[in-house]
Amino acid sequence: MRGFFKIVTIVLLMVFNQSFAQDIDMRLAKEYFNEAEYDKAISYFEELFENPQVQQDVYEDYLASLLYTQRYDDAIKMNKKISKKYPSDYEYKVDKGVILLKSGDKDKSDKYFEDLKKFQNVVLSPHVAGWSFESKEKMAKVILEKIHQKFQTYIND
């Protein structure tokens, strides 16, 4: 019986250790991403993406890192892998078109989006692909400007 508890303890420690290491890798990947050190972030995202439990959690930042470093072939491969796993999630399908566009293959991207529009359950809108870093930055600047204007109005009154 003592041997059984020893084995259970060892297995639990291994699982805890792996989970702890993965958490550290996730934090490092996010930190490198936030610091615009995309090559370093990618090295962590690659490994994390292999774990099906966290694929969706790292996908967006991993894709952005690949696009910022112009690793379009890697972005297509990664996108293909997750699209295969979640075939009804059209966000990944739209991302493929964005990758094609960013890679400079406008004709292929246009054709891809035209084909995508033919699906009955697809509606394209300006915000279908989510918020980009640039759009968030611009929105923050606009909000800051409006706050500044309001603040100036109250000071001058």
C-alpha atoms as a PDB file:
ATOM      1  CA  MET A   1       0.000   0.000   0.000  1.00  0.00           C
ATOM      2  CA  ARG A   2       2.874   2.320   0.799  1.00  0.00           C
ATOM      3  CA  GLY A   3       4.230   1.795  -2.725  1.00  0.00           C
ATOM      4  CA  PHE A   4       0.882   2.857  -4.205  1.00  0.00           C
ATOM      5  CA  PHE A   5       0.897   6.159  -2.277  1.00  0.00           C
ATOM      6  CA  LYS A   6       4.496   6.750  -3.310  1.00  0.00           C
ATOM      7  CA  ILE A   7       3.580   6.309  -6.981  1.00  0.00           C
ATOM      8  CA  VAL A   8       0.518   8.555  -6.644  1.00  0.00           C
ATOM      9  CA  THR A   9       2.652  11.204  -4.927  1.00  0.00           C
ATOM     10  CA  ILE A  10       5.273  11.058  -7.666  1.00  0.00           C
ATOM     11  CA  VAL A  11       2.626  11.325 -10.407  1.00  0.00           C
ATOM     12  CA  LEU A  12       0.975  14.295  -8.670  1.00  0.00           C
ATOM     13  CA  LEU A  13       4.324  16.048  -8.303  1.00  0.00           C
ATOM     14  CA  MET A  14       5.093  15.476 -11.984  1.00  0.00           C
ATOM     15  CA  VAL A  15       1.717  16.895 -13.032  1.00  0.00           C
ATOM     16  CA  PHE A  16       2.084  19.884 -10.701  1.00  0.00           C
ATOM     17  CA  ASN A  17       5.634  20.517 -11.896  1.00  0.00           C
ATOM     18  CA  GLN A  18       4.567  20.390 -15.571  1.00  0.00           C
ATOM     19  CA  SER A  19       1.641  22.747 -14.915  1.00  0.00           C
ATOM     20  CA  PHE A  20       3.893  25.135 -12.998  1.00  0.00           C
ATOM     21  CA  ALA A  21       6.487  25.127 -15.792  1.00  0.00           C
ATOM     22  CA  GLN A  22       3.777  25.782 -18.377  1.00  0.00           C
ATOM     23  CA  ASP A  23       2.474  28.705 -16.329  1.00  0.00           C
ATOM     24  CA  ILE A  24       5.971  30.194 -16.207  1.00  0.00           C
ATOM     25  CA  ASP A  25       6.365  29.710 -19.970  1.00  0.00           C
ATOM     26  CA  MET A  26       3.013  31.422 -20.559  1.00  0.00           C
ATOM     27  CA  ARG A  27       4.013  34.386 -18.415  1.00  0.00           C
ATOM     28  CA  LEU A  28       7.379  34.700 -20.150  1.00  0.00           C
ATOM     29  CA  ALA A  29       5.786  34.485 -23.592  1.00  0.00           C
ATOM     30  CA  LYS A  30       3.271  37.198 -22.701  1.00  0.00           C
ATOM     31  CA  GLU A  31       5.963  39.382 -21.146  1.00  0.00           C
ATOM     32  CA  TYR A  32       8.203  39.107 -24.217  1.00  0.00           C
ATOM     33  CA  PHE A  33       5.193  39.793 -26.433  1.00  0.00           C
ATOM     34  CA  ASN A  34       4.227  42.891 -24.432  1.00  0.00           C
ATOM     35  CA  GLU A  35       7.822  44.120 -24.635  1.00  0.00           C
ATOM     36  CA  ALA A  36       7.765  43.624 -28.449  1.00  0.00           C
ATOM     37  CA  GLU A  37      10.469  40.958 -28.226  1.00  0.00           C
ATOM     38  CA  TYR A  38       8.590  38.788 -30.667  1.00  0.00           C
ATOM     39  CA  ASP A  39      11.369  36.317 -31.498  1.00  0.00           C
ATOM     40  CA  LYS A  40      11.729  35.427 -27.833  1.00  0.00           C
ATOM     41  CA  ALA A  41       7.944  35.236 -27.417  1.00  0.00           C
ATOM     42  CA  ILE A  42       7.665  32.926 -30.419  1.00  0.00           C
ATOM     43  CA  SER A  43      10.080  30.421 -28.899  1.00  0.00           C
ATOM     44  CA  TYR A  44       7.698  30.043 -25.944  1.00  0.00           C
ATOM     45  CA  PHE A  45       4.483  30.252 -27.962  1.00  0.00           C
ATOM     46  CA  GLU A  46       5.664  27.448 -30.267  1.00  0.00           C
ATOM     47  CA  GLU A  47       6.047  25.067 -27.374  1.00  0.00           C
ATOM     48  CA  LEU A  48       2.871  26.190 -25.637  1.00  0.00           C
ATOM     49  CA  PHE A  49       0.851  25.858 -28.846  1.00  0.00           C
ATOM     50  CA  GLU A  50       1.658  22.150 -28.960  1.00  0.00           C
ATOM     51  CA  ASN A  51      -0.482  21.702 -25.852  1.00  0.00           C
ATOM     52  CA  PRO A  52      -4.120  21.424 -27.025  1.00  0.00           C
ATOM     53  CA  GLN A  53      -5.360  22.789 -23.696  1.00  0.00           C
ATOM     54  CA  VAL A  54      -3.784  26.199 -24.246  1.00  0.00           C
ATOM     55  CA  GLN A  55      -3.807  26.532 -28.045  1.00  0.00           C
ATOM     56  CA  GLN A  56      -6.670  28.990 -28.078  1.00  0.00           C
ATOM     57  CA  ASP A  57      -5.166  30.946 -25.185  1.00  0.00           C
ATOM     58  CA  VAL A  58      -1.901  31.625 -27.023  1.00  0.00           C
ATOM     59  CA  TYR A  59      -3.198  31.754 -30.598  1.00  0.00           C
ATOM     60  CA  GLU A  60      -3.806  35.503 -30.918  1.00  0.00           C
ATOM     61  CA  ASP A  61      -0.474  36.644 -29.476  1.00  0.00           C
ATOM     62  CA  TYR A  62       1.403  33.843 -31.237  1.00  0.00           C
ATOM     63  CA  LEU A  63      -0.145  34.859 -34.571  1.00  0.00           C
ATOM     64  CA  ALA A  64       0.620  38.537 -33.961  1.00  0.00           C
ATOM     65  CA  SER A  65       4.244  37.679 -33.113  1.00  0.00           C
ATOM     66  CA  LEU A  66       4.592  35.675 -36.309  1.00  0.00           C
ATOM     67  CA  LEU A  67       3.098  38.516 -38.342  1.00  0.00           C
ATOM     68  CA  TYR A  68       5.286  41.174 -36.689  1.00  0.00           C
ATOM     69  CA  THR A  69       8.372  39.095 -37.555  1.00  0.00           C
ATOM     70  CA  GLN A  70       7.048  38.380 -41.060  1.00  0.00           C
ATOM     71  CA  ARG A  71       7.036  34.612 -40.556  1.00  0.00           C
ATOM     72  CA  TYR A  72       4.069  34.140 -42.828  1.00  0.00           C
ATOM     73  CA  ASP A  73       4.699  30.471 -43.659  1.00  0.00           C
ATOM     74  CA  ASP A  74       4.800  29.628 -39.945  1.00  0.00           C
ATOM     75  CA  ALA A  75       1.634  31.688 -39.408  1.00  0.00           C
ATOM     76  CA  ILE A  76      -0.171  29.775 -42.167  1.00  0.00           C
ATOM     77  CA  LYS A  77       0.925  26.415 -40.692  1.00  0.00           C
ATOM     78  CA  MET A  78      -0.175  27.393 -37.203  1.00  0.00           C
ATOM     79  CA  ASN A  79      -3.472  28.767 -38.494  1.00  0.00           C
ATOM     80  CA  LYS A  80      -4.085  25.603 -40.517  1.00  0.00           C
ATOM     81  CA  LYS A  81      -3.513  23.452 -37.437  1.00  0.00           C
ATOM     82  CA  ILE A  82      -6.015  25.318 -35.264  1.00  0.00           C
ATOM     83  CA  SER A  83      -8.520  25.714 -38.113  1.00  0.00           C
ATOM     84  CA  LYS A  84      -8.502  21.956 -38.549  1.00  0.00           C
ATOM     85  CA  LYS A  85      -9.201  21.490 -34.853  1.00  0.00           C
ATOM     86  CA  TYR A  86     -12.002  24.105 -34.795  1.00  0.00           C
ATOM     87  CA  PRO A  87     -13.503  24.004 -38.307  1.00  0.00           C
ATOM     88  CA  SER A  88     -16.648  25.930 -37.380  1.00  0.00           C
ATOM     89  CA  ASP A  89     -14.733  28.864 -35.875  1.00  0.00           C
ATOM     90  CA  TYR A  90     -14.615  31.398 -38.679  1.00  0.00           C
ATOM     91  CA  GLU A  91     -12.237  33.715 -36.829  1.00  0.00           C
ATOM     92  CA  TYR A  92      -9.417  31.375 -37.821  1.00  0.00           C
ATOM     93  CA  LYS A  93     -10.608  31.344 -41.425  1.00  0.00           C
ATOM     94  CA  VAL A  94     -10.603  35.150 -41.519  1.00  0.00           C
ATOM     95  CA  ASP A  95      -7.128  35.163 -39.987  1.00  0.00           C
ATOM     96  CA  LYS A  96      -5.864  33.060 -42.905  1.00  0.00           C
ATOM     97  CA  GLY A  97      -6.998  35.780 -45.298  1.00  0.00           C
ATOM     98  CA  VAL A  98      -5.284  38.410 -43.157  1.00  0.00           C
ATOM     99  CA  ILE A  99      -2.047  36.378 -43.168  1.00  0.00           C
ATOM    100  CA  LEU A 100      -2.206  36.096 -46.959  1.00  0.00           C
ATOM    101  CA  LEU A 101      -2.812  39.846 -47.240  1.00  0.00           C
ATOM    102  CA  LYS A 102       0.018  40.762 -44.858  1.00  0.00           C
ATOM    103  CA  SER A 103       2.373  38.420 -46.710  1.00  0.00           C
ATOM    104  CA  GLY A 104       1.833  40.543 -49.815  1.00  0.00           C
ATOM    105  CA  ASP A 105      -0.265  38.009 -51.698  1.00  0.00           C
ATOM    106  CA  LYS A 106      -3.206  40.347 -52.302  1.00  0.00           C
ATOM    107  CA  ASP A 107      -4.659  38.340 -55.199  1.00  0.00           C
ATOM    108  CA  LYS A 108      -4.715  35.134 -53.171  1.00  0.00           C
ATOM    109  CA  SER A 109      -6.125  37.004 -50.174  1.00  0.00           C
ATOM    110  CA  ASP A 110      -8.881  38.630 -52.268  1.00  0.00           C
ATOM    111  CA  LYS A 111      -9.846  35.273 -53.767  1.00  0.00           C
ATOM    112  CA  TYR A 112      -9.809  33.662 -50.333  1.00  0.00           C
ATOM    113  CA  PHE A 113     -12.133  36.331 -48.879  1.00  0.00           C
ATOM    114  CA  GLU A 114     -14.433  36.096 -51.909  1.00  0.00           C
ATOM    115  CA  ASP A 115     -14.676  32.333 -51.375  1.00  0.00           C
ATOM    116  CA  LEU A 116     -15.257  32.871 -47.656  1.00  0.00           C
ATOM    117  CA  LYS A 117     -18.140  35.279 -48.340  1.00  0.00           C
ATOM    118  CA  LYS A 118     -19.956  32.513 -50.225  1.00  0.00           C
ATOM    119  CA  PHE A 119     -20.628  30.611 -46.993  1.00  0.00           C
ATOM    120  CA  GLN A 120     -24.176  31.176 -45.755  1.00  0.00           C
ATOM    121  CA  ASN A 121     -23.161  31.664 -42.151  1.00  0.00           C
ATOM    122  CA  VAL A 122     -20.476  34.280 -42.831  1.00  0.00           C
ATOM    123  CA  VAL A 123     -21.083  37.986 -42.480  1.00  0.00           C
ATOM    124  CA  LEU A 124     -18.061  40.221 -42.870  1.00  0.00           C
ATOM    125  CA  SER A 125     -17.929  43.486 -41.015  1.00  0.00           C
ATOM    126  CA  PRO A 126     -15.084  45.894 -40.265  1.00  0.00           C
ATOM    127  CA  HIS A 127     -14.637  44.344 -36.811  1.00  0.00           C
ATOM    128  CA  VAL A 128     -14.922  40.669 -37.682  1.00  0.00           C
ATOM    129  CA  ALA A 129     -11.253  39.976 -37.042  1.00  0.00           C
ATOM    130  CA  GLY A 130     -11.215  41.607 -33.622  1.00  0.00           C
ATOM    131  CA  TRP A 131      -9.196  44.527 -32.375  1.00  0.00           C
ATOM    132  CA  SER A 132      -5.662  44.990 -33.593  1.00  0.00           C
ATOM    133  CA  PHE A 133      -2.927  46.467 -31.458  1.00  0.00           C
ATOM    134  CA  GLU A 134      -2.954  49.537 -33.680  1.00  0.00           C
ATOM    135  CA  SER A 135      -6.701  50.067 -33.276  1.00  0.00           C
ATOM    136  CA  LYS A 136      -6.454  49.765 -29.493  1.00  0.00           C
ATOM    137  CA  GLU A 137      -3.598  52.254 -29.450  1.00  0.00           C
ATOM    138  CA  LYS A 138      -5.512  54.728 -31.609  1.00  0.00           C
ATOM    139  CA  MET A 139      -8.652  54.335 -29.496  1.00  0.00           C
ATOM    140  CA  ALA A 140      -6.615  54.983 -26.332  1.00  0.00           C
ATOM    141  CA  LYS A 141      -5.151  58.143 -27.874  1.00  0.00           C
ATOM    142  CA  VAL A 142      -8.598  59.418 -28.862  1.00  0.00           C
ATOM    143  CA  ILE A 143      -9.975  58.761 -25.381  1.00  0.00           C
ATOM    144  CA  LEU A 144      -6.966  60.442 -23.782  1.00  0.00           C
ATOM    145  CA  GLU A 145      -7.409  63.435 -26.077  1.00  0.00           C
ATOM    146  CA  LYS A 146     -11.099  63.734 -25.143  1.00  0.00           C
ATOM    147  CA  ILE A 147     -10.296  63.495 -21.429  1.00  0.00           C
ATOM    148  CA  HIS A 148      -7.643  66.153 -21.865  1.00  0.00           C
ATOM    149  CA  GLN A 149     -10.116  68.436 -23.701  1.00  0.00           C
ATOM    150  CA  LYS A 150     -12.744  67.989 -20.984  1.00  0.00           C
ATOM    151  CA  PHE A 151     -10.181  68.601 -18.304  1.00  0.00           C
ATOM    152  CA  GLN A 152      -9.070  71.814 -20.039  1.00  0.00           C
ATOM    153  CA  THR A 153     -12.707  72.934 -20.273  1.00  0.00           C
ATOM    154  CA  TYR A 154     -13.175  72.523 -16.505  1.00  0.00           C
ATOM    155  CA  ILE A 155      -9.922  74.329 -15.733  1.00  0.00           C
ATOM    156  CA  ASN A 156     -10.790  77.261 -17.991  1.00  0.00           C
ATOM    157  CA  ASP A 157     -14.322  77.643 -16.537  1.00  0.00           C
END
